[in-house]
C-alpha cells in the first residue's frame, strides 16, 4: 500500500509539473525569409503573388520593367507561397527562394505573352 501511494504521489507531481509548463518548453520556429524573383527578356505585363498572410496581390507594372523582386518574412505554418508573371517576350522566369534556398523555379519559353508560375 505504501509503495502504491508513493508511486501515485510521484506520478501526480510529474504530471502537475508538466501540465503547468515547468518541464516543457516549446521553442518557436524562426520565421521564413521569402524572396520572389521575376525576370524576363521583355517588359513584364502582369505579376500576381501571395503575401505573408496568404492574400493574393496584383503588382502594378510600368510597361518597361523586366525584373521584379519582393522579400518578406512569414511565420505561418504551411504557407501558401505563390508568384506568377506574364511577359511580352519569349522568356519569363520566376524563382521562389525560402531561407536562401531555391524552393521552386519555373522558366517558360513559349513565345509572345509567356507566363511562369512558382508555388510551394
Protein backbone atom coordinates (compact mmCIF):
# COMPACT_ATOMS: atom_id res chain seq x y z
CA UNK A 1 0.00 0.00 0.00
CA UNK A 2 2.84 2.40 0.86
CA UNK A 3 4.50 1.65 -2.48
CA UNK A 4 1.27 2.38 -4.36
CA UNK A 5 0.82 5.69 -2.55
CA UNK A 6 4.43 6.67 -3.24
CA UNK A 7 4.09 5.89 -6.97
CA UNK A 8 0.82 7.82 -7.21
CA UNK A 9 2.38 10.84 -5.49
CA UNK A 10 5.41 10.76 -7.81
CA UNK A 11 3.22 10.45 -10.92
CA UNK A 12 0.91 13.24 -9.79
CA UNK A 13 3.87 15.53 -9.11
CA UNK A 14 5.39 14.81 -12.53
CA UNK A 15 2.10 15.32 -14.38
CA UNK A 16 1.34 18.50 -12.45
CA UNK A 17 4.74 20.00 -13.21
CA UNK A 18 4.41 19.20 -16.90
CA UNK A 19 0.85 20.49 -17.10
CA UNK A 20 1.95 23.90 -15.84
CA UNK A 21 4.94 24.13 -18.18
CA UNK A 22 7.63 23.55 -15.59
CA UNK A 23 9.38 20.88 -17.63
CA UNK A 24 8.02 21.50 -21.15
CA UNK A 25 9.35 24.36 -23.22
CA UNK A 26 8.20 24.89 -26.78
CA UNK A 27 10.70 26.81 -28.84
CA UNK A 28 9.03 28.79 -31.63
CA UNK A 29 10.50 28.35 -35.09
CA UNK A 30 12.07 31.45 -36.62
CA UNK A 31 10.04 32.96 -39.45
CA UNK A 32 10.87 32.06 -43.05
CA UNK A 33 12.57 34.70 -45.17
CA UNK A 34 10.89 34.51 -48.56
CA UNK A 35 12.16 36.03 -51.80
CA UNK A 36 10.16 36.13 -55.04
CA UNK A 37 12.25 36.85 -58.15
CA UNK A 38 10.85 37.50 -61.63
CA UNK A 39 12.90 38.18 -64.76
CA UNK A 40 12.10 38.38 -68.46
CA UNK A 41 13.70 39.16 -71.81
CA UNK A 42 10.96 41.75 -72.45
CA UNK A 43 8.81 44.00 -70.24
CA UNK A 44 6.60 42.31 -67.67
CA UNK A 45 2.87 42.72 -68.28
CA UNK A 46 1.42 41.18 -65.09
CA UNK A 47 2.61 39.94 -61.69
CA UNK A 48 0.44 38.18 -59.11
CA UNK A 49 1.70 36.97 -55.72
CA UNK A 50 0.65 35.87 -52.22
CA UNK A 51 1.76 37.92 -49.25
CA UNK A 52 2.81 36.65 -45.81
CA UNK A 53 -0.84 36.22 -44.76
CA UNK A 54 -1.82 34.30 -47.91
CA UNK A 55 -3.66 37.19 -49.58
CA UNK A 56 -3.39 37.43 -53.38
CA UNK A 57 -1.85 40.68 -54.67
CA UNK A 58 -1.62 42.14 -58.16
CA UNK A 59 1.62 44.03 -58.62
CA UNK A 60 1.43 47.16 -60.78
CA UNK A 61 3.88 47.10 -63.71
CA UNK A 62 5.13 50.14 -65.60
CA UNK A 63 5.48 48.65 -69.10
CA UNK A 64 9.29 48.81 -69.06
CA UNK A 65 10.18 46.66 -66.04
CA UNK A 66 11.99 43.37 -66.86
CA UNK A 67 12.81 42.26 -63.32
CA UNK A 68 10.92 42.33 -60.02
CA UNK A 69 11.76 41.09 -56.53
CA UNK A 70 9.84 41.01 -53.27
CA UNK A 71 11.14 39.92 -49.86
CA UNK A 72 9.09 39.26 -46.73
CA UNK A 73 9.07 37.10 -43.62
CA UNK A 74 6.37 34.61 -42.74
CA UNK A 75 5.72 32.60 -39.60
CA UNK A 76 2.58 30.93 -40.98
CA UNK A 77 2.54 27.12 -40.75
CA UNK A 78 2.31 25.55 -44.24
CA UNK A 79 2.40 28.90 -46.02
CA UNK A 80 0.85 29.17 -49.49
CA UNK A 81 3.81 30.82 -51.26
CA UNK A 82 2.91 31.79 -54.84
CA UNK A 83 4.15 34.13 -57.56
CA UNK A 84 3.24 34.28 -61.24
CA UNK A 85 4.27 36.64 -64.01
CA UNK A 86 3.43 37.28 -67.63
CA UNK A 87 5.77 38.88 -70.13
CA UNK A 88 5.51 40.46 -73.56
CA UNK A 89 8.58 38.44 -74.53
CA UNK A 90 9.54 34.85 -75.20
CA UNK A 91 11.06 34.03 -71.82
CA UNK A 92 9.91 34.72 -68.27
CA UNK A 93 11.36 33.10 -65.15
CA UNK A 94 10.13 33.00 -61.57
CA UNK A 95 12.04 31.82 -58.52
CA UNK A 96 10.71 31.13 -55.05
CA UNK A 97 13.58 31.27 -52.55
CA UNK A 98 12.96 30.37 -48.89
CA UNK A 99 15.68 30.91 -46.29
CA UNK A 100 18.31 31.31 -49.01
CA UNK A 101 17.45 28.09 -50.87
CA UNK A 102 15.67 27.91 -54.22
CA UNK A 103 12.44 26.07 -53.47
CA UNK A 104 10.83 26.39 -56.92
CA UNK A 105 12.00 27.71 -60.28
CA UNK A 106 9.99 27.87 -63.49
CA UNK A 107 11.15 29.22 -66.84
CA UNK A 108 8.65 29.45 -69.65
CA UNK A 109 9.68 29.98 -73.26
CA UNK A 110 6.57 29.87 -75.38
CA UNK A 111 6.70 32.99 -77.50
CA UNK A 112 4.67 36.14 -77.11
CA UNK A 113 2.85 36.52 -73.76
CA UNK A 114 4.78 33.86 -71.79
CA UNK A 115 3.74 33.02 -68.22
CA UNK A 116 5.79 31.46 -65.41
CA UNK A 117 4.30 30.31 -62.10
CA UNK A 118 6.01 29.23 -58.87
CA UNK A 119 4.18 27.87 -55.84
CA UNK A 120 5.11 25.75 -52.91
